[in-house]
Amino acid sequence: MDHSPGFLALVADARTRIRETTCEEVRRRQQAGEPIHLLDVREDHEWQAGHIPGAIHLGKGILERDIERTVPDRDTELILYCGGGFRSALAADALMKMGYRRVASMAGGWRRWRELGFPTEP
């Protein structure tokens, strides 16, 4: 996907403040039975086409509005993903500004997850 320079600059700025994790690390933690709260911040049609098992869907457009109802404990570890890791970086930055302390963006997002052959569900 060809992203605009302004969008890429915004993402680069957010990445200076957030933590990123890899798909491989998320999968390793899932297999180890660690409690992981995955938040899919993609659009509704992307979610409906497939997502990571156990993920919660809160699209980036409603995330800030609905997160406190969905995950009221600001110490809950949250791992956000989108299609490629850009929108999730912006969303992670926003959640940190809202007081969520254990937030990460999954680098590579849904595309990388699928490339690795990790489990998905419709």
N, C-alpha and C. Protein backbone atom coordinates (compact mmCIF):
# COMPACT_ATOMS: atom_id res chain seq x y z
N MET A 1 0.85 -1.18 0.00
CA MET A 1 0.00 0.00 0.00
C MET A 1 0.89 1.24 0.00
N ASP A 2 0.49 2.22 -0.75
CA ASP A 2 1.24 3.45 -0.87
C ASP A 2 0.65 4.50 0.07
N HIS A 3 1.33 4.75 1.18
CA HIS A 3 0.83 5.71 2.16
C HIS A 3 1.40 7.10 1.90
N SER A 4 0.64 8.11 2.26
CA SER A 4 1.07 9.49 2.05
C SER A 4 2.19 9.85 3.04
N PRO A 5 3.04 10.79 2.66
CA PRO A 5 4.12 11.21 3.54
C PRO A 5 3.63 11.74 4.89
N GLY A 6 2.53 12.47 4.88
CA GLY A 6 1.99 13.01 6.14
C GLY A 6 1.56 11.90 7.09
N PHE A 7 0.90 10.88 6.55
CA PHE A 7 0.47 9.74 7.37
C PHE A 7 1.69 9.01 7.92
N LEU A 8 2.68 8.76 7.08
CA LEU A 8 3.89 8.05 7.53
C LEU A 8 4.62 8.85 8.61
N ALA A 9 4.63 10.17 8.50
CA ALA A 9 5.27 11.01 9.53
C ALA A 9 4.51 10.91 10.85
N LEU A 10 3.19 10.87 10.77
CA LEU A 10 2.36 10.74 11.97
C LEU A 10 2.63 9.41 12.66
N VAL A 11 2.72 8.34 11.88
CA VAL A 11 3.00 7.01 12.42
C VAL A 11 4.41 6.98 13.03
N ALA A 12 5.38 7.55 12.34
CA ALA A 12 6.75 7.57 12.85
C ALA A 12 6.82 8.30 14.19
N ASP A 13 6.08 9.39 14.30
CA ASP A 13 6.03 10.14 15.55
C ASP A 13 5.42 9.29 16.67
N ALA A 14 4.31 8.61 16.38
CA ALA A 14 3.67 7.76 17.38
C ALA A 14 4.62 6.65 17.83
N ARG A 15 5.37 6.11 16.90
CA ARG A 15 6.29 5.01 17.23
C ARG A 15 7.41 5.43 18.18
N THR A 16 7.64 6.72 18.32
CA THR A 16 8.66 7.17 19.28
C THR A 16 8.15 7.04 20.71
N ARG A 17 6.85 6.88 20.88
CA ARG A 17 6.25 6.83 22.23
C ARG A 17 5.67 5.48 22.60
N ILE A 18 5.49 4.59 21.65
CA ILE A 18 4.81 3.33 21.94
C ILE A 18 5.79 2.17 21.93
N ARG A 19 5.30 1.04 22.41
CA ARG A 19 6.05 -0.21 22.34
C ARG A 19 5.47 -1.03 21.21
N GLU A 20 6.34 -1.67 20.44
CA GLU A 20 5.89 -2.59 19.40
C GLU A 20 6.31 -4.00 19.77
N THR A 21 5.53 -4.95 19.33
CA THR A 21 5.84 -6.36 19.50
C THR A 21 5.71 -7.03 18.14
N THR A 22 6.15 -8.26 18.06
CA THR A 22 6.08 -8.98 16.78
C THR A 22 4.96 -10.00 16.80
N CYS A 23 4.56 -10.42 15.61
CA CYS A 23 3.57 -11.48 15.49
C CYS A 23 4.10 -12.76 16.14
N GLU A 24 5.37 -13.02 15.93
CA GLU A 24 5.97 -14.24 16.48
C GLU A 24 5.91 -14.24 18.01
N GLU A 25 6.16 -13.10 18.61
CA GLU A 25 6.10 -13.00 20.08
C GLU A 25 4.67 -13.18 20.58
N VAL A 26 3.71 -12.57 19.90
CA VAL A 26 2.31 -12.72 20.29
C VAL A 26 1.90 -14.19 20.20
N ARG A 27 2.26 -14.85 19.12
CA ARG A 27 1.91 -16.27 18.94
C ARG A 27 2.58 -17.13 20.00
N ARG A 28 3.85 -16.86 20.31
CA ARG A 28 4.55 -17.61 21.35
C ARG A 28 3.83 -17.47 22.68
N ARG A 29 3.41 -16.26 23.00
CA ARG A 29 2.71 -16.02 24.26
C ARG A 29 1.34 -16.71 24.27
N GLN A 30 0.65 -16.71 23.14
CA GLN A 30 -0.62 -17.43 23.06
C GLN A 30 -0.41 -18.91 23.33
N GLN A 31 0.60 -19.50 22.68
CA GLN A 31 0.86 -20.93 22.82
C GLN A 31 1.29 -21.28 24.24
N ALA A 32 1.89 -20.33 24.94
CA ALA A 32 2.30 -20.54 26.33
C ALA A 32 1.13 -20.38 27.29
N GLY A 33 -0.03 -19.98 26.76
CA GLY A 33 -1.21 -19.83 27.59
C GLY A 33 -1.27 -18.52 28.35
N GLU A 34 -0.45 -17.57 27.97
CA GLU A 34 -0.47 -16.27 28.65
C GLU A 34 -1.75 -15.52 28.28
N PRO A 35 -2.34 -14.84 29.25
CA PRO A 35 -3.53 -14.05 28.93
C PRO A 35 -3.15 -12.82 28.12
N ILE A 36 -3.65 -12.77 26.90
CA ILE A 36 -3.36 -11.65 26.00
C ILE A 36 -4.68 -11.05 25.55
N HIS A 37 -4.77 -9.74 25.64
CA HIS A 37 -5.93 -9.03 25.13
C HIS A 37 -5.55 -8.41 23.80
N LEU A 38 -6.00 -9.05 22.73
CA LEU A 38 -5.74 -8.55 21.38
C LEU A 38 -6.90 -7.67 20.94
N LEU A 39 -6.58 -6.48 20.48
CA LEU A 39 -7.59 -5.58 19.96
C LEU A 39 -7.34 -5.36 18.48
N ASP A 40 -8.31 -5.71 17.66
CA ASP A 40 -8.26 -5.51 16.22
C ASP A 40 -8.87 -4.14 15.95
N VAL A 41 -8.07 -3.21 15.44
CA VAL A 41 -8.55 -1.85 15.22
C VAL A 41 -8.88 -1.58 13.76
N ARG A 42 -9.00 -2.64 12.95
CA ARG A 42 -9.32 -2.47 11.53
C ARG A 42 -10.79 -2.11 11.36
N GLU A 43 -11.15 -1.79 10.13
CA GLU A 43 -12.53 -1.47 9.78
C GLU A 43 -13.40 -2.72 9.87
N ASP A 44 -14.70 -2.52 9.99
CA ASP A 44 -15.65 -3.63 10.12
C ASP A 44 -15.50 -4.66 9.00
N HIS A 45 -15.39 -4.21 7.75
CA HIS A 45 -15.31 -5.17 6.64
C HIS A 45 -14.01 -5.98 6.69
N GLU A 46 -12.95 -5.40 7.22
CA GLU A 46 -11.69 -6.14 7.36
C GLU A 46 -11.84 -7.22 8.42
N TRP A 47 -12.46 -6.88 9.54
CA TRP A 47 -12.70 -7.83 10.63
C TRP A 47 -13.55 -8.99 10.14
N GLN A 48 -14.62 -8.69 9.41
CA GLN A 48 -15.53 -9.72 8.93
C GLN A 48 -14.86 -10.66 7.94
N ALA A 49 -13.84 -10.19 7.25
CA ALA A 49 -13.12 -11.04 6.29
C ALA A 49 -12.17 -12.01 6.98
N GLY A 50 -11.89 -11.79 8.25
CA GLY A 50 -11.03 -12.68 9.01
C GLY A 50 -10.27 -11.92 10.08
N HIS A 51 -9.94 -12.63 11.17
CA HIS A 51 -9.24 -11.99 12.28
C HIS A 51 -8.53 -13.06 13.12
N ILE A 52 -7.76 -12.61 14.07
CA ILE A 52 -7.03 -13.51 14.96
C ILE A 52 -8.00 -14.06 16.00
N PRO A 53 -7.99 -15.39 16.21
CA PRO A 53 -8.88 -15.98 17.22
C PRO A 53 -8.68 -15.33 18.59
N GLY A 54 -9.81 -15.01 19.22
CA GLY A 54 -9.78 -14.42 20.55
C GLY A 54 -9.66 -12.91 20.58
N ALA A 55 -9.47 -12.30 19.41
CA ALA A 55 -9.34 -10.84 19.37
C ALA A 55 -10.69 -10.19 19.61
N ILE A 56 -10.62 -8.97 20.10
CA ILE A 56 -11.80 -8.12 20.28
C ILE A 56 -11.74 -7.07 19.18
N HIS A 57 -12.89 -6.80 18.56
CA HIS A 57 -12.90 -5.80 17.50
C HIS A 57 -13.38 -4.47 18.04
N LEU A 58 -12.50 -3.49 17.98
CA LEU A 58 -12.84 -2.10 18.28
C LEU A 58 -12.14 -1.27 17.20
N GLY A 59 -12.84 -0.99 16.14
CA GLY A 59 -12.25 -0.24 15.03
C GLY A 59 -11.67 1.08 15.49
N LYS A 60 -10.65 1.52 14.79
CA LYS A 60 -9.95 2.75 15.17
C LYS A 60 -10.91 3.94 15.26
N GLY A 61 -11.97 3.93 14.49
CA GLY A 61 -12.92 5.03 14.52
C GLY A 61 -13.74 5.13 15.80
N ILE A 62 -13.85 4.01 16.56
CA ILE A 62 -14.63 4.03 17.80
C ILE A 62 -13.80 3.64 19.02
N LEU A 63 -12.55 3.33 18.82
CA LEU A 63 -11.70 2.82 19.90
C LEU A 63 -11.71 3.73 21.12
N GLU A 64 -11.38 4.99 20.93
CA GLU A 64 -11.29 5.90 22.07
C GLU A 64 -12.64 6.07 22.76
N ARG A 65 -13.71 6.02 21.99
CA ARG A 65 -15.05 6.18 22.55
C ARG A 65 -15.45 4.98 23.42
N ASP A 66 -15.08 3.76 22.99
CA ASP A 66 -15.61 2.55 23.62
C ASP A 66 -14.62 1.79 24.50
N ILE A 67 -13.35 2.15 24.50
CA ILE A 67 -12.35 1.36 25.21
C ILE A 67 -12.61 1.29 26.72
N GLU A 68 -13.04 2.37 27.32
CA GLU A 68 -13.22 2.37 28.78
C GLU A 68 -14.35 1.45 29.22
N ARG A 69 -15.35 1.27 28.38
CA ARG A 69 -16.41 0.31 28.67
C ARG A 69 -15.94 -1.12 28.43
N THR A 70 -15.16 -1.31 27.39
CA THR A 70 -14.71 -2.64 27.00
C THR A 70 -13.59 -3.14 27.90
N VAL A 71 -12.63 -2.28 28.20
CA VAL A 71 -11.48 -2.64 29.05
C VAL A 71 -11.30 -1.50 30.06
N PRO A 72 -12.04 -1.56 31.18
CA PRO A 72 -11.97 -0.45 32.14
C PRO A 72 -10.65 -0.36 32.92
N ASP A 73 -9.96 -1.48 33.09
CA ASP A 73 -8.72 -1.50 33.87
C ASP A 73 -7.56 -1.01 33.00
N ARG A 74 -7.03 0.14 33.33
CA ARG A 74 -5.95 0.74 32.54
C ARG A 74 -4.60 0.03 32.70
N ASP A 75 -4.55 -0.97 33.57
CA ASP A 75 -3.32 -1.76 33.72
C ASP A 75 -3.39 -3.07 32.93
N THR A 76 -4.48 -3.30 32.22
CA THR A 76 -4.60 -4.49 31.38
C THR A 76 -3.63 -4.38 30.21
N GLU A 77 -2.91 -5.45 29.94
CA GLU A 77 -2.03 -5.43 28.77
C GLU A 77 -2.87 -5.55 27.50
N LEU A 78 -2.66 -4.63 26.58
CA LEU A 78 -3.40 -4.61 25.33
C LEU A 78 -2.41 -4.67 24.17
N ILE A 79 -2.67 -5.58 23.24
CA ILE A 79 -1.88 -5.64 22.02
C ILE A 79 -2.81 -5.34 20.86
N LEU A 80 -2.53 -4.27 20.16
CA LEU A 80 -3.37 -3.80 19.06
C LEU A 80 -2.78 -4.23 17.73
N TYR A 81 -3.67 -4.58 16.80
CA TYR A 81 -3.20 -4.86 15.45
C TYR A 81 -4.17 -4.30 14.42
N CYS A 82 -3.63 -4.05 13.24
CA CYS A 82 -4.41 -3.58 12.09
C CYS A 82 -3.91 -4.35 10.89
N GLY A 83 -4.03 -3.80 9.71
CA GLY A 83 -3.59 -4.50 8.52
C GLY A 83 -2.09 -4.66 8.41
N GLY A 84 -1.35 -3.60 8.76
CA GLY A 84 0.09 -3.65 8.60
C GLY A 84 0.90 -3.06 9.74
N GLY A 85 0.25 -2.54 10.77
CA GLY A 85 0.96 -2.01 11.92
C GLY A 85 1.01 -0.50 12.01
N PHE A 86 0.39 0.19 11.05
CA PHE A 86 0.41 1.66 11.08
C PHE A 86 -0.74 2.22 11.93
N ARG A 87 -1.97 1.82 11.60
CA ARG A 87 -3.12 2.31 12.37
C ARG A 87 -3.04 1.87 13.83
N SER A 88 -2.53 0.66 14.05
CA SER A 88 -2.41 0.19 15.44
C SER A 88 -1.39 1.00 16.22
N ALA A 89 -0.36 1.50 15.57
CA ALA A 89 0.61 2.37 16.25
C ALA A 89 -0.07 3.67 16.67
N LEU A 90 -0.87 4.25 15.78
CA LEU A 90 -1.59 5.47 16.12
C LEU A 90 -2.60 5.22 17.24
N ALA A 91 -3.28 4.09 17.17
CA ALA A 91 -4.27 3.75 18.20
C ALA A 91 -3.59 3.51 19.55
N ALA A 92 -2.44 2.85 19.55
CA ALA A 92 -1.71 2.60 20.79
C ALA A 92 -1.29 3.91 21.43
N ASP A 93 -0.85 4.84 20.62
CA ASP A 93 -0.46 6.16 21.12
C ASP A 93 -1.66 6.85 21.77
N ALA A 94 -2.81 6.77 21.14
CA ALA A 94 -4.02 7.40 21.68
C ALA A 94 -4.41 6.77 23.02
N LEU A 95 -4.34 5.43 23.11
CA LEU A 95 -4.70 4.76 24.36
C LEU A 95 -3.74 5.12 25.49
N MET A 96 -2.48 5.27 25.16
CA MET A 96 -1.51 5.68 26.18
C MET A 96 -1.84 7.08 26.68
N LYS A 97 -2.26 7.95 25.78
CA LYS A 97 -2.65 9.31 26.19
C LYS A 97 -3.89 9.28 27.07
N MET A 98 -4.70 8.22 26.94
CA MET A 98 -5.89 8.07 27.76
C MET A 98 -5.58 7.40 29.10
N GLY A 99 -4.33 7.04 29.32
CA GLY A 99 -3.94 6.48 30.61
C GLY A 99 -3.74 4.98 30.63
N TYR A 100 -3.87 4.31 29.50
CA TYR A 100 -3.58 2.87 29.44
C TYR A 100 -2.06 2.71 29.44
N ARG A 101 -1.57 1.92 30.38
CA ARG A 101 -0.13 1.86 30.62
C ARG A 101 0.60 0.70 29.95
N ARG A 102 -0.13 -0.34 29.57
CA ARG A 102 0.52 -1.55 29.03
C ARG A 102 -0.03 -1.83 27.63
N VAL A 103 0.33 -0.97 26.70
CA VAL A 103 -0.19 -1.03 25.35
C VAL A 103 0.96 -1.28 24.37
N ALA A 104 0.71 -2.13 23.39
CA ALA A 104 1.69 -2.38 22.34
C ALA A 104 0.98 -2.49 21.00
N SER A 105 1.70 -2.19 19.95
CA SER A 105 1.22 -2.37 18.59
C SER A 105 1.95 -3.56 17.99
N MET A 106 1.21 -4.42 17.29
CA MET A 106 1.81 -5.60 16.67
C MET A 106 2.34 -5.23 15.28
N ALA A 107 3.66 -5.15 15.18
CA ALA A 107 4.31 -4.79 13.93
C ALA A 107 3.96 -5.81 12.84
N GLY A 108 3.69 -5.31 11.66
CA GLY A 108 3.34 -6.19 10.54
C GLY A 108 1.87 -6.53 10.47
N GLY A 109 1.18 -6.44 11.60
CA GLY A 109 -0.26 -6.61 11.66
C GLY A 109 -0.80 -7.90 11.05
N TRP A 110 -2.03 -7.80 10.60
CA TRP A 110 -2.77 -8.92 10.03
C TRP A 110 -2.05 -9.55 8.85
N ARG A 111 -1.47 -8.71 7.99
CA ARG A 111 -0.78 -9.25 6.82
C ARG A 111 0.37 -10.16 7.23
N ARG A 112 1.19 -9.73 8.15
CA ARG A 112 2.33 -10.54 8.61
C ARG A 112 1.84 -11.80 9.31
N TRP A 113 0.80 -11.68 10.13
CA TRP A 113 0.23 -12.82 10.85
C TRP A 113 -0.16 -13.91 9.85
N ARG A 114 -0.83 -13.51 8.77
CA ARG A 114 -1.26 -14.47 7.75
C ARG A 114 -0.07 -15.03 6.97
N GLU A 115 0.91 -14.19 6.66
CA GLU A 115 2.12 -14.67 5.96
C GLU A 115 2.80 -15.78 6.75
N LEU A 116 2.77 -15.67 8.06
CA LEU A 116 3.42 -16.65 8.93
C LEU A 116 2.58 -17.93 9.08
N GLY A 117 1.35 -17.90 8.58
CA GLY A 117 0.49 -19.08 8.66
C GLY A 117 -0.11 -19.31 10.04
N PHE A 118 -0.18 -18.27 10.85
CA PHE A 118 -0.74 -18.40 12.19
C PHE A 118 -2.27 -18.51 12.09
N PRO A 119 -2.91 -19.05 13.13
CA PRO A 119 -4.37 -19.29 13.08
C PRO A 119 -5.19 -18.02 12.85
N THR A 120 -6.23 -18.19 12.06
CA THR A 120 -7.20 -17.12 11.81
C THR A 120 -8.59 -17.72 11.90
N GLU A 121 -9.56 -16.84 12.01
CA GLU A 121 -10.96 -17.29 11.95
C GLU A 121 -11.77 -16.30 11.17
N PRO A 122 -12.85 -16.81 10.56
CA PRO A 122 -13.68 -15.89 9.74
C PRO A 122 -14.44 -14.88 10.59
